[in-house]
Amino acid sequence: MPDKAEKHRDGQILSGEDSTVKMQVEVNEVKTEGDYNSSPVYIYHDWCKKCGICVAFCPTGTLGRKMDGSPYVKAPEKCIHCETCDRLCPDFAITGAKR
């Protein structure tokens, strides 16, 4: 067994001798609110750190915040597809989906 092993994102452990050992990899599903067909905004909740920038700068009030701080589409009919939320999100966790 290797003395020092490192966990890498690609799902392999590299030992000191540069040999690969198989391991189980946790698969993170991307949980979203809505989809491109039913909502004007697509939110990747697993990526969101709940900073509130998208909600604060939405010019039409399309987005709202839940009690835990996560964004949601409050008024989809108000969205003008300006993509301000998309441009300002530091984690790329939201996108203004065009029809």
C-alpha atoms as a PDB file:
ATOM      1  CA  MET A   1       0.000   0.000   0.000  1.00  0.00           C
ATOM      2  CA  PRO A   2       1.231   3.493  -0.700  1.00  0.00           C
ATOM      3  CA  ASP A   3       2.285   5.593   2.248  1.00  0.00           C
ATOM      4  CA  LYS A   4       0.818   8.817   0.947  1.00  0.00           C
ATOM      5  CA  ALA A   5      -2.252   8.941  -1.301  1.00  0.00           C
ATOM      6  CA  GLU A   6      -4.064  11.974  -2.612  1.00  0.00           C
ATOM      7  CA  LYS A   7      -7.684  12.209  -3.663  1.00  0.00           C
ATOM      8  CA  HIS A   8      -8.209  13.896  -7.020  1.00  0.00           C
ATOM      9  CA  ARG A   9     -11.377  15.168  -8.678  1.00  0.00           C
ATOM     10  CA  ASP A  10     -11.127  12.709 -11.555  1.00  0.00           C
ATOM     11  CA  GLY A  11     -11.814   9.826  -9.172  1.00  0.00           C
ATOM     12  CA  GLN A  12      -8.364   8.296  -8.914  1.00  0.00           C
ATOM     13  CA  ILE A  13      -5.886   8.012  -6.096  1.00  0.00           C
ATOM     14  CA  LEU A  14      -2.295   8.552  -7.143  1.00  0.00           C
ATOM     15  CA  SER A  15       0.291   6.844  -4.991  1.00  0.00           C
ATOM     16  CA  GLY A  16       3.905   7.823  -4.515  1.00  0.00           C
ATOM     17  CA  GLU A  17       4.927   5.496  -7.373  1.00  0.00           C
ATOM     18  CA  ASP A  18       2.480   7.224  -9.789  1.00  0.00           C
ATOM     19  CA  SER A  19       0.308   4.108 -10.061  1.00  0.00           C
ATOM     20  CA  THR A  20      -3.473   4.461 -10.137  1.00  0.00           C
ATOM     21  CA  VAL A  21      -5.835   2.703  -7.758  1.00  0.00           C
ATOM     22  CA  LYS A  22      -9.589   2.549  -8.345  1.00  0.00           C
ATOM     23  CA  MET A  23     -11.881   4.133  -5.806  1.00  0.00           C
ATOM     24  CA  GLN A  24     -15.538   5.000  -5.447  1.00  0.00           C
ATOM     25  CA  VAL A  25     -16.444   8.444  -6.631  1.00  0.00           C
ATOM     26  CA  GLU A  26     -19.334  10.418  -5.213  1.00  0.00           C
ATOM     27  CA  VAL A  27     -21.566  11.667  -8.020  1.00  0.00           C
ATOM     28  CA  ASN A  28     -23.122  15.044  -7.273  1.00  0.00           C
ATOM     29  CA  GLU A  29     -26.407  15.632  -9.004  1.00  0.00           C
ATOM     30  CA  VAL A  30     -27.160  19.179 -10.055  1.00  0.00           C
ATOM     31  CA  LYS A  31     -30.430  20.124  -8.441  1.00  0.00           C
ATOM     32  CA  THR A  32     -32.222  22.845 -10.312  1.00  0.00           C
ATOM     33  CA  GLU A  33     -35.352  24.843  -9.962  1.00  0.00           C
ATOM     34  CA  GLY A  34     -37.386  24.508 -13.124  1.00  0.00           C
ATOM     35  CA  ASP A  35     -36.006  23.873 -16.566  1.00  0.00           C
ATOM     36  CA  TYR A  36     -35.424  25.769 -19.786  1.00  0.00           C
ATOM     37  CA  ASN A  37     -38.910  25.014 -21.054  1.00  0.00           C
ATOM     38  CA  SER A  38     -40.925  26.095 -18.017  1.00  0.00           C
ATOM     39  CA  SER A  39     -38.761  28.755 -16.323  1.00  0.00           C
ATOM     40  CA  PRO A  40     -36.868  31.770 -17.667  1.00  0.00           C
ATOM     41  CA  VAL A  41     -34.056  31.268 -15.119  1.00  0.00           C
ATOM     42  CA  TYR A  42     -32.110  28.059 -14.497  1.00  0.00           C
ATOM     43  CA  ILE A  43     -30.585  27.732 -10.999  1.00  0.00           C
ATOM     44  CA  TYR A  44     -27.893  25.218 -10.032  1.00  0.00           C
ATOM     45  CA  HIS A  45     -28.557  24.988  -6.286  1.00  0.00           C
ATOM     46  CA  ASP A  46     -25.526  22.763  -5.617  1.00  0.00           C
ATOM     47  CA  TRP A  47     -23.238  25.525  -6.889  1.00  0.00           C
ATOM     48  CA  CYS A  48     -25.029  28.440  -5.220  1.00  0.00           C
ATOM     49  CA  LYS A  49     -23.492  29.929  -2.065  1.00  0.00           C
ATOM     50  CA  LYS A  50     -26.630  32.015  -1.365  1.00  0.00           C
ATOM     51  CA  CYS A  51     -24.915  35.390  -1.624  1.00  0.00           C
ATOM     52  CA  GLY A  52     -28.065  37.136  -2.912  1.00  0.00           C
ATOM     53  CA  ILE A  53     -26.370  39.108  -5.696  1.00  0.00           C
ATOM     54  CA  CYS A  54     -28.734  37.752  -8.359  1.00  0.00           C
ATOM     55  CA  VAL A  55     -31.793  38.732  -6.330  1.00  0.00           C
ATOM     56  CA  ALA A  56     -30.452  42.172  -5.415  1.00  0.00           C
ATOM     57  CA  PHE A  57     -29.604  43.155  -8.990  1.00  0.00           C
ATOM     58  CA  CYS A  58     -32.596  41.634 -10.826  1.00  0.00           C
ATOM     59  CA  PRO A  59     -34.145  44.726 -12.463  1.00  0.00           C
ATOM     60  CA  THR A  60     -37.677  43.315 -12.675  1.00  0.00           C
ATOM     61  CA  GLY A  61     -38.001  41.415  -9.376  1.00  0.00           C
ATOM     62  CA  THR A  62     -38.183  38.021 -11.072  1.00  0.00           C
ATOM     63  CA  LEU A  63     -36.038  36.404  -8.391  1.00  0.00           C
ATOM     64  CA  GLY A  64     -36.760  36.055  -4.697  1.00  0.00           C
ATOM     65  CA  ARG A  65     -34.976  34.518  -1.694  1.00  0.00           C
ATOM     66  CA  LYS A  66     -36.156  31.582   0.371  1.00  0.00           C
ATOM     67  CA  MET A  67     -35.798  31.552   4.160  1.00  0.00           C
ATOM     68  CA  ASP A  68     -32.410  29.807   3.858  1.00  0.00           C
ATOM     69  CA  GLY A  69     -31.178  32.509   1.463  1.00  0.00           C
ATOM     70  CA  SER A  70     -31.272  30.479  -1.731  1.00  0.00           C
ATOM     71  CA  PRO A  71     -32.716  32.176  -4.825  1.00  0.00           C
ATOM     72  CA  TYR A  72     -35.879  31.039  -6.582  1.00  0.00           C
ATOM     73  CA  VAL A  73     -37.984  32.254  -9.501  1.00  0.00           C
ATOM     74  CA  LYS A  74     -40.658  34.336  -7.785  1.00  0.00           C
ATOM     75  CA  ALA A  75     -42.308  35.888 -10.851  1.00  0.00           C
ATOM     76  CA  PRO A  76     -41.292  34.160 -14.115  1.00  0.00           C
ATOM     77  CA  GLU A  77     -43.611  36.349 -16.186  1.00  0.00           C
ATOM     78  CA  LYS A  78     -41.558  39.449 -15.253  1.00  0.00           C
ATOM     79  CA  CYS A  79     -38.254  38.131 -16.661  1.00  0.00           C
ATOM     80  CA  ILE A  80     -36.946  40.181 -19.607  1.00  0.00           C
ATOM     81  CA  HIS A  81     -33.958  37.848 -20.249  1.00  0.00           C
ATOM     82  CA  CYS A  82     -31.414  40.574 -19.527  1.00  0.00           C
ATOM     83  CA  GLU A  83     -29.089  37.901 -18.061  1.00  0.00           C
ATOM     84  CA  THR A  84     -27.903  40.241 -15.287  1.00  0.00           C
ATOM     85  CA  CYS A  85     -28.148  37.347 -12.820  1.00  0.00           C
ATOM     86  CA  ASP A  86     -25.994  35.224 -15.110  1.00  0.00           C
ATOM     87  CA  ARG A  87     -23.270  37.855 -15.491  1.00  0.00           C
ATOM     88  CA  LEU A  88     -23.066  38.800 -11.804  1.00  0.00           C
ATOM     89  CA  CYS A  89     -23.106  35.330 -10.214  1.00  0.00           C
ATOM     90  CA  PRO A  90     -19.597  34.606  -8.867  1.00  0.00           C
ATOM     91  CA  ASP A  91     -20.200  30.833  -8.919  1.00  0.00           C
ATOM     92  CA  PHE A  92     -21.919  30.501 -12.322  1.00  0.00           C
ATOM     93  CA  ALA A  93     -24.876  28.987 -10.453  1.00  0.00           C
ATOM     94  CA  ILE A  94     -27.635  30.747 -12.389  1.00  0.00           C
ATOM     95  CA  THR A  95     -28.365  31.400 -16.022  1.00  0.00           C
ATOM     96  CA  GLY A  96     -31.030  33.431 -17.744  1.00  0.00           C
ATOM     97  CA  ALA A  97     -32.454  30.875 -20.161  1.00  0.00           C
ATOM     98  CA  LYS A  98     -33.693  32.318 -23.429  1.00  0.00           C
ATOM     99  CA  ARG A  99     -36.782  30.906 -25.099  1.00  0.00           C
END
